[in-house]
Protein backbone atom coordinates (compact mmCIF):
# COMPACT_ATOMS: atom_id res chain seq x y z
CA MET A 1 110.49 59.09 112.60
CA TRP A 2 110.27 60.76 116.03
CA ARG A 3 108.88 63.92 114.46
CA ARG A 4 106.13 61.97 112.71
CA LEU A 5 105.37 60.08 115.91
CA ARG A 6 105.07 63.34 117.85
CA VAL A 7 102.68 64.77 115.26
CA ASP A 8 100.55 61.60 115.32
CA VAL A 9 100.42 61.54 119.13
CA LEU A 10 99.32 65.18 119.30
CA LEU A 11 96.62 64.66 116.67
CA ILE A 12 95.31 61.65 118.58
CA ALA A 13 95.35 63.84 121.71
CA VAL A 14 93.07 66.29 119.87
CA ALA A 15 90.71 63.41 119.05
CA VAL A 16 90.76 62.28 122.71
CA VAL A 17 89.88 65.71 124.14
CA TRP A 18 87.15 66.21 121.55
CA GLY A 19 85.79 62.75 122.28
CA SER A 20 85.79 63.52 126.01
CA SER A 21 84.09 66.90 125.58
CA TYR A 22 80.61 65.33 125.39
CA LEU A 23 80.89 63.74 128.84
CA ALA A 24 82.44 66.91 130.31
CA ALA A 25 79.60 69.05 128.91
CA LYS A 26 76.95 66.56 130.03
CA GLN A 27 78.21 66.61 133.62
CA LEU A 28 78.12 70.43 133.71
CA THR A 29 74.49 70.62 132.57
CA ASP A 30 73.45 69.41 136.04
CA PHE A 31 74.80 72.65 137.55
CA ALA A 32 74.05 75.45 135.06
CA SER A 33 72.08 76.27 131.92
CA VAL A 34 73.52 75.39 128.53
CA PRO A 35 74.06 79.06 127.49
CA ALA A 36 75.80 79.78 130.83
CA ILE A 37 78.18 76.83 130.40
CA LEU A 38 78.99 77.83 126.83
CA SER A 39 79.40 81.47 127.85
CA LEU A 40 82.10 80.59 130.39
CA ARG A 41 83.73 78.08 128.03
CA PHE A 42 84.14 80.63 125.25
CA MET A 43 85.09 83.53 127.47
CA ILE A 44 87.97 81.38 128.71
CA ALA A 45 88.83 80.29 125.17
CA ALA A 46 88.67 83.84 123.79
CA LEU A 47 90.89 85.23 126.56
CA ALA A 48 93.46 82.46 126.03
CA LEU A 49 93.44 82.97 122.26
CA LEU A 50 93.75 86.73 122.76
CA ALA A 51 96.86 86.11 124.87
CA VAL A 52 98.35 83.96 122.08
CA PHE A 53 97.30 86.57 119.50
CA SER A 54 99.05 89.34 121.46
CA TRP A 55 102.14 87.22 122.09
CA LEU A 56 102.53 86.48 118.38
CA ARG A 57 101.88 90.17 117.63
CA LYS A 58 99.32 89.48 114.98
CA LYS A 59 97.97 92.40 112.99
CA ARG A 60 94.45 93.66 113.61
CA PRO A 61 91.76 92.01 111.48
CA GLY A 62 90.44 93.84 108.46
CA ARG A 63 86.75 94.44 107.84
CA ALA A 64 86.30 91.30 105.70
CA GLU A 65 88.15 89.12 108.22
CA LEU A 66 86.08 90.56 111.06
CA LEU A 67 82.81 89.89 109.22
CA VAL A 68 83.79 86.30 108.36
CA GLY A 69 84.88 85.62 111.94
CA ILE A 70 81.55 86.87 113.32
CA ILE A 71 79.47 84.92 110.77
CA LEU A 72 81.37 81.71 111.50
CA GLY A 73 81.09 82.43 115.22
CA PHE A 74 77.30 82.48 114.96
CA THR A 75 77.17 79.23 112.96
CA GLN A 76 79.60 77.65 115.45
CA ALA A 77 77.34 78.84 118.29
CA ALA A 78 74.35 77.11 116.65
CA ILE A 79 76.31 73.83 116.52
CA LEU A 80 77.35 74.05 120.16
CA LEU A 81 73.85 74.88 121.37
CA LEU A 82 72.45 71.84 119.58
CA GLU A 83 75.32 69.61 120.78
CA THR A 84 75.15 70.69 124.42
CA TYR A 85 71.37 70.58 124.65
CA GLY A 86 71.52 67.21 122.88
CA VAL A 87 74.12 65.66 125.16
CA SER A 88 72.17 66.86 128.21
CA VAL A 89 69.35 64.43 127.34
CA THR A 90 71.19 61.59 125.63
CA SER A 91 74.32 59.64 126.49
CA ALA A 92 77.81 60.99 125.81
CA THR A 93 78.44 57.77 123.84
CA ASN A 94 75.49 58.40 121.52
CA ALA A 95 76.43 62.06 121.16
CA GLY A 96 80.01 61.32 120.12
CA LEU A 97 78.96 58.70 117.60
CA ILE A 98 76.07 60.60 116.04
CA ILE A 99 78.05 63.84 115.61
CA SER A 100 80.65 61.85 113.63
CA LEU A 101 78.08 61.70 110.82
CA THR A 102 79.39 65.16 109.92
CA ILE A 103 82.07 63.24 107.98
CA ILE A 104 79.26 61.86 105.79
CA PHE A 105 77.04 64.96 105.66
CA THR A 106 79.77 67.46 104.68
CA PRO A 107 80.83 65.89 101.34
CA ILE A 108 77.16 65.37 100.41
CA LEU A 109 76.43 69.05 101.07
CA GLU A 110 79.56 70.20 99.25
CA SER A 111 78.86 68.04 96.22
CA ALA A 112 75.26 69.30 96.07
CA ALA A 113 76.44 72.91 96.30
CA ASN A 114 79.05 72.37 93.60
CA ARG A 115 76.81 70.09 91.49
CA ARG A 116 79.49 67.44 91.51
CA TRP A 117 78.31 64.06 92.73
CA LEU A 118 80.38 61.57 94.64
CA PRO A 119 80.95 57.93 93.62
CA PRO A 120 78.10 55.48 94.41
CA GLY A 121 80.24 53.79 97.06
CA PHE A 122 80.07 56.94 99.17
CA PHE A 123 76.27 56.80 99.31
CA VAL A 124 76.44 53.12 100.27
CA ALA A 125 78.63 54.20 103.21
CA ALA A 126 76.07 56.90 104.08
CA VAL A 127 73.25 54.33 104.19
CA VAL A 128 75.35 52.03 106.40
CA ALA A 129 75.99 54.97 108.75
CA VAL A 130 72.25 55.67 109.01
CA VAL A 131 71.60 51.99 109.78
CA GLY A 132 74.30 52.21 112.46
CA VAL A 133 72.55 55.18 114.08
CA ALA A 134 69.23 53.29 114.05
CA LEU A 135 70.86 50.35 115.83
CA LEU A 136 72.67 52.61 118.29
CA VAL A 137 69.57 54.46 119.46
CA SER A 138 67.62 51.17 119.62
CA ASP A 139 70.19 49.49 121.87
CA ASN A 140 67.61 48.46 124.49
CA GLY A 141 64.94 47.49 121.98
CA PHE A 142 63.83 49.17 118.78
CA ARG A 143 62.47 52.65 119.42
CA LEU A 144 62.44 56.11 117.93
CA PRO A 145 65.46 58.35 118.67
CA ASN A 146 64.97 60.53 121.74
CA ALA A 147 65.15 64.34 121.66
CA GLY A 148 68.87 64.32 122.45
CA ASP A 149 69.66 61.96 119.59
CA LEU A 150 67.68 64.13 117.17
CA LEU A 151 69.45 67.27 118.41
CA MET A 152 72.82 65.59 117.81
CA LEU A 153 71.71 64.66 114.28
CA ALA A 154 70.74 68.30 113.72
CA ALA A 155 74.11 69.38 115.14
CA ALA A 156 75.92 67.08 112.68
CA ALA A 157 73.96 68.59 109.78
CA VAL A 158 74.59 72.17 110.95
CA ARG A 159 78.28 71.38 111.49
CA ALA A 160 78.46 70.14 107.89
CA GLY A 161 76.94 73.44 106.77
CA HIS A 162 79.40 75.34 108.95
CA VAL A 163 82.38 73.52 107.42
CA THR A 164 81.06 74.10 103.90
CA LEU A 165 80.43 77.79 104.64
CA MET A 166 83.90 78.13 106.17
CA ALA A 167 85.46 76.75 102.99
CA LYS A 168 83.39 79.09 100.82
CA LEU A 169 84.24 82.19 102.88
CA THR A 170 87.95 81.55 103.43
CA THR A 171 89.27 79.66 100.38
CA GLY A 172 91.62 81.85 98.40
CA LYS A 173 91.59 84.56 101.09
CA SER A 174 94.65 85.61 103.08
CA PHE A 175 92.83 85.29 106.41
CA ASP A 176 94.87 84.32 109.46
CA SER A 177 93.50 81.12 111.05
CA LEU A 178 94.27 82.22 114.61
CA THR A 179 92.58 85.59 114.07
CA VAL A 180 89.44 84.04 112.60
CA THR A 181 89.25 81.50 115.44
CA LEU A 182 89.68 84.26 118.04
CA LEU A 183 86.86 86.22 116.42
CA GLN A 184 84.67 83.10 116.35
CA SER A 185 85.30 82.44 120.05
CA ALA A 186 84.60 86.07 120.98
CA ALA A 187 81.35 86.04 118.96
CA CYS A 188 80.29 82.80 120.69
CA ALA A 189 81.11 84.20 124.13
CA ALA A 190 79.12 87.39 123.47
CA LEU A 191 76.10 85.52 122.07
CA PHE A 192 75.93 82.91 124.84
CA THR A 193 76.35 85.54 127.56
CA ALA A 194 73.55 87.63 126.04
CA MET A 195 71.28 84.56 126.02
CA ASP A 196 71.55 84.03 129.79
CA PRO A 197 73.58 86.73 131.58
CA GLY A 198 72.03 85.87 134.95
CA GLY A 199 72.87 82.20 134.50
CA ALA A 200 76.48 83.02 133.61
CA ILE A 201 76.86 85.19 136.71
CA SER A 202 75.21 82.54 138.88
CA ALA A 203 77.57 79.90 137.51
CA VAL A 204 80.60 82.07 138.28
CA VAL A 205 79.40 82.51 141.87
CA ASN A 206 78.15 78.99 142.57
CA PHE A 207 80.48 76.68 140.67
CA GLY A 208 82.71 74.55 142.85
CA LEU A 209 86.17 73.28 141.95
CA PRO A 210 84.91 70.27 139.91
CA GLN A 211 82.68 72.51 137.77
CA TRP A 212 85.44 75.06 137.19
CA LEU A 213 87.82 72.27 136.21
CA GLY A 214 85.19 71.07 133.73
CA VAL A 215 84.73 74.54 132.20
CA LEU A 216 88.49 75.10 132.03
CA TYR A 217 88.88 71.72 130.35
CA LEU A 218 86.27 72.62 127.72
CA GLY A 219 87.70 76.10 127.16
CA LEU A 220 91.43 75.37 127.22
CA ALA A 221 91.82 71.70 126.22
CA CYS A 222 88.84 71.17 123.91
CA SER A 223 89.02 74.62 122.29
CA VAL A 224 92.42 76.36 122.54
CA PHE A 225 94.75 73.33 122.78
CA ALA A 226 92.86 71.40 120.11
CA PHE A 227 92.84 74.34 117.70
CA LEU A 228 96.50 75.25 118.12
CA VAL A 229 97.69 71.64 117.81
CA GLN A 230 95.47 71.07 114.78
CA LEU A 231 96.77 74.26 113.17
CA TRP A 232 100.41 73.25 113.77
CA ALA A 233 100.16 69.51 113.08
CA ILE A 234 98.25 69.71 109.82
CA ARG A 235 101.20 71.62 108.37
CA GLN A 236 103.60 68.84 109.44
CA THR A 237 101.74 65.93 107.83
CA SER A 238 99.25 65.24 105.06
CA ALA A 239 95.67 66.48 105.36
CA SER A 240 94.39 62.92 104.84
CA ARG A 241 96.54 61.53 107.66
CA ALA A 242 95.52 64.35 110.02
CA SER A 243 91.85 63.81 109.13
CA LEU A 244 92.19 60.06 109.72
CA LEU A 245 93.79 60.47 113.16
CA MET A 246 91.33 63.15 114.32
CA GLY A 247 88.53 61.01 112.90
CA THR A 248 89.07 58.60 115.82
CA GLU A 249 87.06 61.07 117.96
CA PRO A 250 83.92 58.85 118.14
CA VAL A 251 86.03 55.89 119.31
CA TRP A 252 87.29 57.94 122.24
CA ALA A 253 83.79 59.27 122.94
CA VAL A 254 82.58 55.67 123.34
CA LEU A 255 85.53 54.55 125.48
CA ILE A 256 85.36 57.58 127.77
CA GLY A 257 81.56 57.44 128.04
CA ILE A 258 81.74 53.79 129.14
CA THR A 259 84.87 53.80 131.32
CA VAL A 260 84.62 57.25 132.94
CA GLY A 261 80.93 58.06 132.61
CA GLY A 262 79.72 54.57 133.51
CA GLU A 263 77.42 54.44 130.50
CA LEU A 264 76.22 51.06 129.26
CA ILE A 265 75.98 49.82 125.70
CA GLY A 266 74.55 46.46 124.64
CA TRP A 267 75.43 44.26 121.69
CA LEU A 268 72.99 46.07 119.40
CA GLY A 269 74.55 49.41 120.32
CA VAL A 270 78.04 47.99 119.80
CA LEU A 271 77.01 46.81 116.32
CA GLY A 272 75.60 50.26 115.55
CA ALA A 273 78.78 51.95 116.81
CA VAL A 274 80.96 49.71 114.64
CA LEU A 275 78.81 50.43 111.58
CA ILE A 276 78.94 54.20 112.17
CA ILE A 277 82.71 54.28 112.62
CA ALA A 278 83.36 51.94 109.68
CA ALA A 279 80.97 53.85 107.39
CA CYS A 280 82.48 57.22 108.31
CA TYR A 281 85.99 55.89 107.73
CA LEU A 282 85.01 54.33 104.39
CA GLY A 283 83.13 57.45 103.27
CA GLN A 284 86.09 59.63 104.19
CA ARG A 285 88.48 57.46 102.16
CA ILE A 286 86.16 57.40 99.12
CA GLU A 287 85.71 61.19 99.24
CA ALA A 288 89.48 61.79 99.58
CA ARG A 289 90.21 59.43 96.66
CA SER A 290 87.57 61.12 94.50
CA ARG A 291 88.93 64.58 95.36
CA GLY A 292 92.49 63.48 94.55
CA LEU A 293 91.38 62.08 91.19
CA ARG A 294 89.65 65.37 90.28
CA GLN A 295 92.76 67.34 91.21
CA ARG A 296 94.97 65.11 89.05
CA LYS A 297 92.57 65.53 86.12
CA ARG A 298 92.67 69.32 86.51
CA VAL A 299 96.48 69.31 86.60
CA SER A 300 96.59 67.03 83.56
CA ALA A 301 94.16 69.27 81.66
CA ARG A 302 96.30 72.36 82.36
CA ALA A 303 99.55 70.66 81.33
CA PRO A 304 100.85 71.65 77.86
CA GLN A 305 100.10 69.06 75.22
CA PRO A 306 102.94 67.68 73.10
CA ILE A 307 103.14 69.09 69.59
CA ASP A 308 103.07 66.56 66.80
CA GLN A 309 106.02 67.02 64.53
CA ALA A 310 105.94 66.05 60.91
CA THR A 311 108.49 63.47 59.90
């Protein structure tokens, strides 16, 4: 019981730090460019992961592992650019809720790629989620989404592509998760630094203690801690339970945006938030049930059939 409780608490902690990352990133955009912030975040993350990598005495990556890590690093960089630019011009609450649509987008993309369609109920959940986003961004009267909201929608779509690509490139391969994540972080750090080297240097020189605490929080808590806990905890519990607990991320994004960030949300926005969270939860459950049913059918089809015996 205590072991299960510890696993659950740590997975919820991952959801909390991910939910809080939008406000932390938004506050930093007042002091440095987006590439400079991400450069420092991933340099810190890469150095910390390198320390863990060395401590565990992992073997050097092979050519295929190196290539996959770099490719996934670039797709991860695209997500973070869209997210951070998006959150700089929208609220942290909106950002956390809209990015949760990845839970809806990913199965749709996977089923299209595999030509295997999901049950109709899943698409009902997807429509409800879209309605929720429309209500959320129209909280103070119906209007079109602003640039930040649209960037977060794009980030959710790219993140779905990233997850699908990750599954395609790593399934059935003996890649080490820590090694691939280290390579991703190093690729992100190199790319973001190359985008704005002057901005990164200026941030290092001019950041005060609050800004450094924010960058360290993003690099260590939201990247290294979250990855290592996720990697450990998912092996201690079921994938569906881990996914459900970490899927509370948008709830924490809303609570932290309102209580810490002082953001306001009206009744229309609350309704939209509830619809988004409920639709994502429902869609996730439908997709997991459908996947489990397919797996059982495959196992049943491979099982030896009884031989009729003449009497």
